[in-house]
Amino acid sequence: MANELILICEDNDKNRKLARRVLEKAGYRTHEVVTGEEAIKAARETPPDLILLDYLLPGIDGIETLKRIRADKSIRRMPIVAITASAMPEEMARMGQAGFDGFMTKPINLKVLLGTIESLLARAKAKAT
């Protein structure tokens, strides 16, 4: 797969730039935002194929952003992956219960990131056909 649009919602400038470089090198298009509110707006305006969503964001957090995206019937369903610096078991459980399609801890293993994205996009494409 190539050329799919990945929405990166990350408030850390360095993490956002790293994700963009890695994804674009792998053939994906990217769109970057900093807050959950911006992610919701971007998902409405130009629906991405997948969202990488930081868990801790200024304003609404990743879980609230996920809930609002899933509740908005104008936004088509796409995989959403939580990215977090917290590897605490209770946080991981909370993300799983929230309904994320996947989650990763920082620092991100780039091979795992690309493998997760590829797998989730393939699964989403199979569901659509």
N, C-alpha and C. Protein backbone atom coordinates (compact mmCIF):
# COMPACT_ATOMS: atom_id res chain seq x y z
N MET A 1 0.84 -1.17 0.00
CA MET A 1 0.00 0.00 0.00
C MET A 1 0.89 1.23 0.00
N ALA A 2 0.37 2.25 -0.61
CA ALA A 2 1.10 3.51 -0.63
C ALA A 2 0.12 4.63 -0.91
N ASN A 3 0.52 5.82 -0.57
CA ASN A 3 -0.23 7.03 -0.84
C ASN A 3 -1.44 7.24 0.06
N GLU A 4 -1.66 6.39 1.05
CA GLU A 4 -2.75 6.63 1.99
C GLU A 4 -2.43 7.86 2.83
N LEU A 5 -3.49 8.53 3.28
CA LEU A 5 -3.34 9.73 4.10
C LEU A 5 -3.35 9.35 5.57
N ILE A 6 -2.30 9.74 6.28
CA ILE A 6 -2.20 9.50 7.72
C ILE A 6 -2.28 10.86 8.42
N LEU A 7 -3.22 11.00 9.34
CA LEU A 7 -3.33 12.20 10.16
C LEU A 7 -2.49 11.98 11.42
N ILE A 8 -1.54 12.85 11.64
CA ILE A 8 -0.67 12.79 12.82
C ILE A 8 -1.12 13.88 13.79
N CYS A 9 -1.61 13.48 14.95
CA CYS A 9 -2.00 14.43 15.98
C CYS A 9 -1.03 14.27 17.14
N GLU A 10 -0.10 15.19 17.23
CA GLU A 10 1.00 15.12 18.21
C GLU A 10 1.40 16.53 18.58
N ASP A 11 1.46 16.83 19.88
CA ASP A 11 1.80 18.18 20.30
C ASP A 11 3.31 18.41 20.41
N ASN A 12 4.10 17.35 20.40
CA ASN A 12 5.55 17.51 20.45
C ASN A 12 6.09 17.66 19.03
N ASP A 13 6.71 18.80 18.76
CA ASP A 13 7.18 19.13 17.42
C ASP A 13 8.15 18.09 16.87
N LYS A 14 9.10 17.66 17.69
CA LYS A 14 10.09 16.68 17.22
C LYS A 14 9.45 15.34 16.89
N ASN A 15 8.53 14.88 17.73
CA ASN A 15 7.84 13.61 17.47
C ASN A 15 7.00 13.69 16.21
N ARG A 16 6.35 14.83 16.02
CA ARG A 16 5.51 15.03 14.83
C ARG A 16 6.36 15.01 13.56
N LYS A 17 7.50 15.70 13.58
CA LYS A 17 8.38 15.74 12.41
C LYS A 17 8.97 14.38 12.11
N LEU A 18 9.35 13.64 13.15
CA LEU A 18 9.89 12.30 12.95
C LEU A 18 8.85 11.38 12.31
N ALA A 19 7.64 11.42 12.83
CA ALA A 19 6.57 10.59 12.25
C ALA A 19 6.34 10.96 10.79
N ARG A 20 6.30 12.26 10.51
CA ARG A 20 6.09 12.70 9.12
C ARG A 20 7.19 12.17 8.20
N ARG A 21 8.44 12.32 8.61
CA ARG A 21 9.56 11.86 7.76
C ARG A 21 9.49 10.36 7.51
N VAL A 22 9.24 9.60 8.55
CA VAL A 22 9.20 8.14 8.41
C VAL A 22 8.03 7.73 7.52
N LEU A 23 6.88 8.31 7.74
CA LEU A 23 5.70 7.93 6.96
C LEU A 23 5.82 8.35 5.50
N GLU A 24 6.31 9.55 5.27
CA GLU A 24 6.46 10.00 3.88
C GLU A 24 7.51 9.18 3.15
N LYS A 25 8.57 8.80 3.83
CA LYS A 25 9.59 7.95 3.21
C LYS A 25 9.00 6.59 2.84
N ALA A 26 8.03 6.13 3.62
CA ALA A 26 7.37 4.85 3.35
C ALA A 26 6.28 4.97 2.29
N GLY A 27 6.04 6.18 1.79
CA GLY A 27 5.08 6.36 0.70
C GLY A 27 3.72 6.88 1.12
N TYR A 28 3.55 7.21 2.38
CA TYR A 28 2.27 7.74 2.85
C TYR A 28 2.25 9.25 2.73
N ARG A 29 1.05 9.80 2.57
CA ARG A 29 0.85 11.24 2.65
C ARG A 29 0.51 11.54 4.11
N THR A 30 0.87 12.72 4.58
CA THR A 30 0.60 13.06 5.97
C THR A 30 -0.07 14.42 6.09
N HIS A 31 -0.81 14.55 7.16
CA HIS A 31 -1.37 15.84 7.56
C HIS A 31 -1.12 15.91 9.06
N GLU A 32 -0.65 17.05 9.54
CA GLU A 32 -0.27 17.18 10.94
C GLU A 32 -1.12 18.21 11.66
N VAL A 33 -1.51 17.85 12.88
CA VAL A 33 -2.21 18.78 13.77
C VAL A 33 -1.64 18.61 15.17
N VAL A 34 -1.97 19.55 16.05
CA VAL A 34 -1.37 19.59 17.39
C VAL A 34 -2.37 19.23 18.49
N THR A 35 -3.65 19.51 18.28
CA THR A 35 -4.64 19.30 19.34
C THR A 35 -5.72 18.32 18.89
N GLY A 36 -6.46 17.81 19.87
CA GLY A 36 -7.58 16.93 19.57
C GLY A 36 -8.66 17.64 18.77
N GLU A 37 -8.91 18.88 19.12
CA GLU A 37 -9.92 19.65 18.39
C GLU A 37 -9.53 19.78 16.91
N GLU A 38 -8.25 20.03 16.65
CA GLU A 38 -7.77 20.13 15.27
C GLU A 38 -7.88 18.78 14.56
N ALA A 39 -7.67 17.69 15.28
CA ALA A 39 -7.78 16.35 14.68
C ALA A 39 -9.22 16.08 14.23
N ILE A 40 -10.17 16.45 15.06
CA ILE A 40 -11.58 16.26 14.71
C ILE A 40 -11.93 17.07 13.47
N LYS A 41 -11.51 18.31 13.46
CA LYS A 41 -11.77 19.18 12.31
C LYS A 41 -11.13 18.62 11.04
N ALA A 42 -9.88 18.19 11.14
CA ALA A 42 -9.17 17.64 9.98
C ALA A 42 -9.84 16.36 9.49
N ALA A 43 -10.29 15.52 10.41
CA ALA A 43 -10.96 14.27 10.02
C ALA A 43 -12.27 14.54 9.29
N ARG A 44 -12.93 15.62 9.64
CA ARG A 44 -14.17 16.00 8.95
C ARG A 44 -13.88 16.55 7.55
N GLU A 45 -12.87 17.41 7.47
CA GLU A 45 -12.59 18.11 6.22
C GLU A 45 -11.93 17.23 5.18
N THR A 46 -10.95 16.45 5.58
CA THR A 46 -10.23 15.56 4.66
C THR A 46 -10.02 14.24 5.38
N PRO A 47 -11.00 13.35 5.30
CA PRO A 47 -10.91 12.10 6.06
C PRO A 47 -9.63 11.32 5.75
N PRO A 48 -8.84 11.04 6.79
CA PRO A 48 -7.62 10.28 6.58
C PRO A 48 -7.92 8.78 6.51
N ASP A 49 -6.95 8.03 6.09
CA ASP A 49 -7.08 6.57 6.07
C ASP A 49 -6.77 5.98 7.44
N LEU A 50 -6.01 6.73 8.26
CA LEU A 50 -5.62 6.29 9.60
C LEU A 50 -5.20 7.52 10.39
N ILE A 51 -5.42 7.46 11.72
CA ILE A 51 -5.00 8.56 12.59
C ILE A 51 -4.01 8.03 13.62
N LEU A 52 -2.89 8.73 13.76
CA LEU A 52 -1.96 8.51 14.87
C LEU A 52 -2.28 9.60 15.87
N LEU A 53 -2.72 9.22 17.07
CA LEU A 53 -3.26 10.17 18.02
C LEU A 53 -2.51 10.12 19.34
N ASP A 54 -1.82 11.19 19.66
CA ASP A 54 -1.13 11.28 20.95
C ASP A 54 -2.18 11.19 22.06
N TYR A 55 -1.83 10.49 23.10
CA TYR A 55 -2.75 10.27 24.22
C TYR A 55 -2.90 11.52 25.08
N LEU A 56 -1.79 12.18 25.37
CA LEU A 56 -1.82 13.39 26.19
C LEU A 56 -1.65 14.61 25.29
N LEU A 57 -2.71 15.38 25.17
CA LEU A 57 -2.72 16.54 24.28
C LEU A 57 -3.18 17.77 25.04
N PRO A 58 -2.81 18.96 24.56
CA PRO A 58 -3.40 20.17 25.14
C PRO A 58 -4.89 20.21 24.78
N GLY A 59 -5.71 20.70 25.67
CA GLY A 59 -7.16 20.70 25.41
C GLY A 59 -7.72 19.33 25.72
N ILE A 60 -8.50 18.80 24.81
CA ILE A 60 -9.07 17.47 25.05
C ILE A 60 -8.00 16.40 24.81
N ASP A 61 -8.03 15.33 25.59
CA ASP A 61 -7.01 14.29 25.47
C ASP A 61 -7.36 13.32 24.34
N GLY A 62 -6.50 12.35 24.13
CA GLY A 62 -6.68 11.40 23.04
C GLY A 62 -7.95 10.59 23.15
N ILE A 63 -8.32 10.19 24.37
CA ILE A 63 -9.54 9.39 24.54
C ILE A 63 -10.77 10.21 24.19
N GLU A 64 -10.83 11.45 24.65
CA GLU A 64 -11.98 12.29 24.32
C GLU A 64 -12.02 12.58 22.82
N THR A 65 -10.86 12.78 22.22
CA THR A 65 -10.80 12.99 20.77
C THR A 65 -11.33 11.77 20.03
N LEU A 66 -10.90 10.59 20.44
CA LEU A 66 -11.39 9.35 19.85
C LEU A 66 -12.91 9.25 19.98
N LYS A 67 -13.43 9.50 21.16
CA LYS A 67 -14.88 9.41 21.38
C LYS A 67 -15.64 10.36 20.47
N ARG A 68 -15.13 11.57 20.32
CA ARG A 68 -15.83 12.56 19.48
C ARG A 68 -15.77 12.18 18.00
N ILE A 69 -14.65 11.65 17.58
CA ILE A 69 -14.54 11.23 16.18
C ILE A 69 -15.49 10.07 15.91
N ARG A 70 -15.51 9.08 16.81
CA ARG A 70 -16.37 7.91 16.63
C ARG A 70 -17.85 8.27 16.71
N ALA A 71 -18.19 9.29 17.51
CA ALA A 71 -19.59 9.69 17.67
C ALA A 71 -20.10 10.53 16.50
N ASP A 72 -19.21 11.12 15.74
CA ASP A 72 -19.59 12.01 14.63
C ASP A 72 -19.86 11.17 13.38
N LYS A 73 -21.11 11.06 13.03
CA LYS A 73 -21.51 10.23 11.87
C LYS A 73 -21.04 10.81 10.54
N SER A 74 -20.60 12.09 10.54
CA SER A 74 -20.10 12.69 9.30
C SER A 74 -18.66 12.26 9.02
N ILE A 75 -18.02 11.65 10.02
CA ILE A 75 -16.64 11.20 9.85
C ILE A 75 -16.66 9.69 9.64
N ARG A 76 -16.14 9.26 8.50
CA ARG A 76 -16.14 7.82 8.25
C ARG A 76 -15.21 7.12 9.22
N ARG A 77 -15.46 5.87 9.41
CA ARG A 77 -14.67 5.08 10.36
C ARG A 77 -13.30 4.77 9.76
N MET A 78 -12.26 5.05 10.51
CA MET A 78 -10.89 4.73 10.11
C MET A 78 -10.14 4.25 11.34
N PRO A 79 -9.06 3.49 11.15
CA PRO A 79 -8.28 3.05 12.31
C PRO A 79 -7.66 4.25 13.03
N ILE A 80 -7.65 4.17 14.36
CA ILE A 80 -7.03 5.20 15.18
C ILE A 80 -6.08 4.51 16.16
N VAL A 81 -4.82 4.94 16.12
CA VAL A 81 -3.77 4.37 16.95
C VAL A 81 -3.34 5.40 17.99
N ALA A 82 -3.41 5.01 19.26
CA ALA A 82 -2.95 5.89 20.34
C ALA A 82 -1.44 5.79 20.47
N ILE A 83 -0.82 6.93 20.67
CA ILE A 83 0.62 7.01 20.92
C ILE A 83 0.79 7.63 22.31
N THR A 84 1.54 6.97 23.17
CA THR A 84 1.67 7.46 24.54
C THR A 84 3.08 7.29 25.08
N ALA A 85 3.45 8.17 25.98
CA ALA A 85 4.72 8.04 26.68
C ALA A 85 4.55 7.19 27.93
N SER A 86 3.32 6.91 28.30
CA SER A 86 3.04 6.14 29.51
C SER A 86 2.86 4.66 29.18
N ALA A 87 3.66 3.82 29.80
CA ALA A 87 3.52 2.38 29.60
C ALA A 87 2.88 1.74 30.83
N MET A 88 2.23 2.53 31.65
CA MET A 88 1.59 2.02 32.86
C MET A 88 0.42 1.11 32.46
N PRO A 89 0.30 -0.04 33.11
CA PRO A 89 -0.76 -1.00 32.75
C PRO A 89 -2.17 -0.40 32.79
N GLU A 90 -2.44 0.46 33.78
CA GLU A 90 -3.78 1.04 33.86
C GLU A 90 -4.07 1.98 32.69
N GLU A 91 -3.04 2.68 32.21
CA GLU A 91 -3.22 3.55 31.03
C GLU A 91 -3.46 2.71 29.78
N MET A 92 -2.71 1.63 29.63
CA MET A 92 -2.89 0.74 28.48
C MET A 92 -4.29 0.14 28.50
N ALA A 93 -4.75 -0.28 29.67
CA ALA A 93 -6.10 -0.83 29.79
C ALA A 93 -7.15 0.22 29.43
N ARG A 94 -6.93 1.43 29.89
CA ARG A 94 -7.87 2.53 29.59
C ARG A 94 -7.96 2.79 28.09
N MET A 95 -6.81 2.76 27.41
CA MET A 95 -6.81 2.97 25.96
C MET A 95 -7.52 1.82 25.24
N GLY A 96 -7.28 0.60 25.69
CA GLY A 96 -7.96 -0.55 25.09
C GLY A 96 -9.47 -0.47 25.28
N GLN A 97 -9.90 -0.10 26.47
CA GLN A 97 -11.33 0.03 26.75
C GLN A 97 -11.97 1.17 25.96
N ALA A 98 -11.18 2.19 25.66
CA ALA A 98 -11.71 3.35 24.92
C ALA A 98 -12.05 3.00 23.48
N GLY A 99 -11.40 1.98 22.94
CA GLY A 99 -11.72 1.56 21.57
C GLY A 99 -10.69 1.91 20.52
N PHE A 100 -9.47 2.23 20.94
CA PHE A 100 -8.41 2.46 19.96
C PHE A 100 -8.16 1.16 19.19
N ASP A 101 -7.81 1.28 17.94
CA ASP A 101 -7.51 0.11 17.12
C ASP A 101 -6.12 -0.44 17.42
N GLY A 102 -5.30 0.35 18.06
CA GLY A 102 -3.97 -0.06 18.47
C GLY A 102 -3.36 1.02 19.32
N PHE A 103 -2.26 0.70 20.00
CA PHE A 103 -1.56 1.73 20.74
C PHE A 103 -0.09 1.37 20.81
N MET A 104 0.73 2.40 20.91
CA MET A 104 2.17 2.26 20.94
C MET A 104 2.74 3.18 22.00
N THR A 105 3.85 2.77 22.60
CA THR A 105 4.51 3.61 23.58
C THR A 105 5.71 4.30 22.95
N LYS A 106 5.99 5.49 23.49
CA LYS A 106 7.16 6.25 23.06
C LYS A 106 8.34 5.80 23.90
N PRO A 107 9.53 5.77 23.39
CA PRO A 107 9.88 6.11 22.01
C PRO A 107 9.36 5.03 21.06
N ILE A 108 8.92 5.48 19.92
CA ILE A 108 8.30 4.60 18.94
C ILE A 108 9.36 3.77 18.23
N ASN A 109 9.10 2.48 18.13
CA ASN A 109 9.90 1.59 17.30
C ASN A 109 9.37 1.76 15.88
N LEU A 110 10.19 2.30 14.99
CA LEU A 110 9.71 2.66 13.66
C LEU A 110 9.25 1.46 12.84
N LYS A 111 9.91 0.33 12.98
CA LYS A 111 9.47 -0.87 12.26
C LYS A 111 8.10 -1.33 12.75
N VAL A 112 7.91 -1.27 14.06
CA VAL A 112 6.61 -1.65 14.63
C VAL A 112 5.54 -0.66 14.19
N LEU A 113 5.87 0.62 14.18
CA LEU A 113 4.92 1.64 13.72
C LEU A 113 4.46 1.36 12.30
N LEU A 114 5.41 1.16 11.40
CA LEU A 114 5.06 0.92 10.00
C LEU A 114 4.29 -0.40 9.84
N GLY A 115 4.69 -1.42 10.58
CA GLY A 115 3.98 -2.69 10.52
C GLY A 115 2.56 -2.57 11.02
N THR A 116 2.36 -1.83 12.09
CA THR A 116 1.02 -1.62 12.65
C THR A 116 0.14 -0.87 11.67
N ILE A 117 0.70 0.18 11.08
CA ILE A 117 -0.07 0.97 10.12
C ILE A 117 -0.46 0.11 8.92
N GLU A 118 0.50 -0.62 8.39
CA GLU A 118 0.22 -1.47 7.23
C GLU A 118 -0.87 -2.49 7.54
N SER A 119 -0.77 -3.12 8.69
CA SER A 119 -1.75 -4.13 9.10
C SER A 119 -3.15 -3.53 9.26
N LEU A 120 -3.24 -2.39 9.94
CA LEU A 120 -4.54 -1.76 10.16
C LEU A 120 -5.15 -1.26 8.86
N LEU A 121 -4.33 -0.72 7.97
CA LEU A 121 -4.85 -0.26 6.68
C LEU A 121 -5.35 -1.44 5.84
N ALA A 122 -4.62 -2.54 5.86
CA ALA A 122 -5.04 -3.73 5.12
C ALA A 122 -6.37 -4.26 5.67
N ARG A 123 -6.50 -4.28 6.98
CA ARG A 123 -7.73 -4.75 7.60
C ARG A 123 -8.90 -3.82 7.25
N ALA A 124 -8.66 -2.51 7.27
CA ALA A 124 -9.71 -1.55 6.93
C ALA A 124 -10.12 -1.69 5.47
N LYS A 125 -9.15 -1.92 4.61
CA LYS A 125 -9.45 -2.08 3.18
C LYS A 125 -10.25 -3.37 2.95
N ALA A 126 -9.90 -4.43 3.65
CA ALA A 126 -10.63 -5.70 3.51
C ALA A 126 -12.08 -5.56 3.98
N LYS A 127 -12.30 -4.79 5.05
CA LYS A 127 -13.67 -4.56 5.56
C LYS A 127 -14.50 -3.77 4.57
N ALA A 128 -13.83 -2.85 3.85
CA ALA A 128 -14.54 -1.97 2.92
C ALA A 128 -14.97 -2.70 1.64
N THR A 129 -14.34 -3.83 1.35
CA THR A 129 -14.68 -4.53 0.11
C THR A 129 -15.64 -5.67 0.33
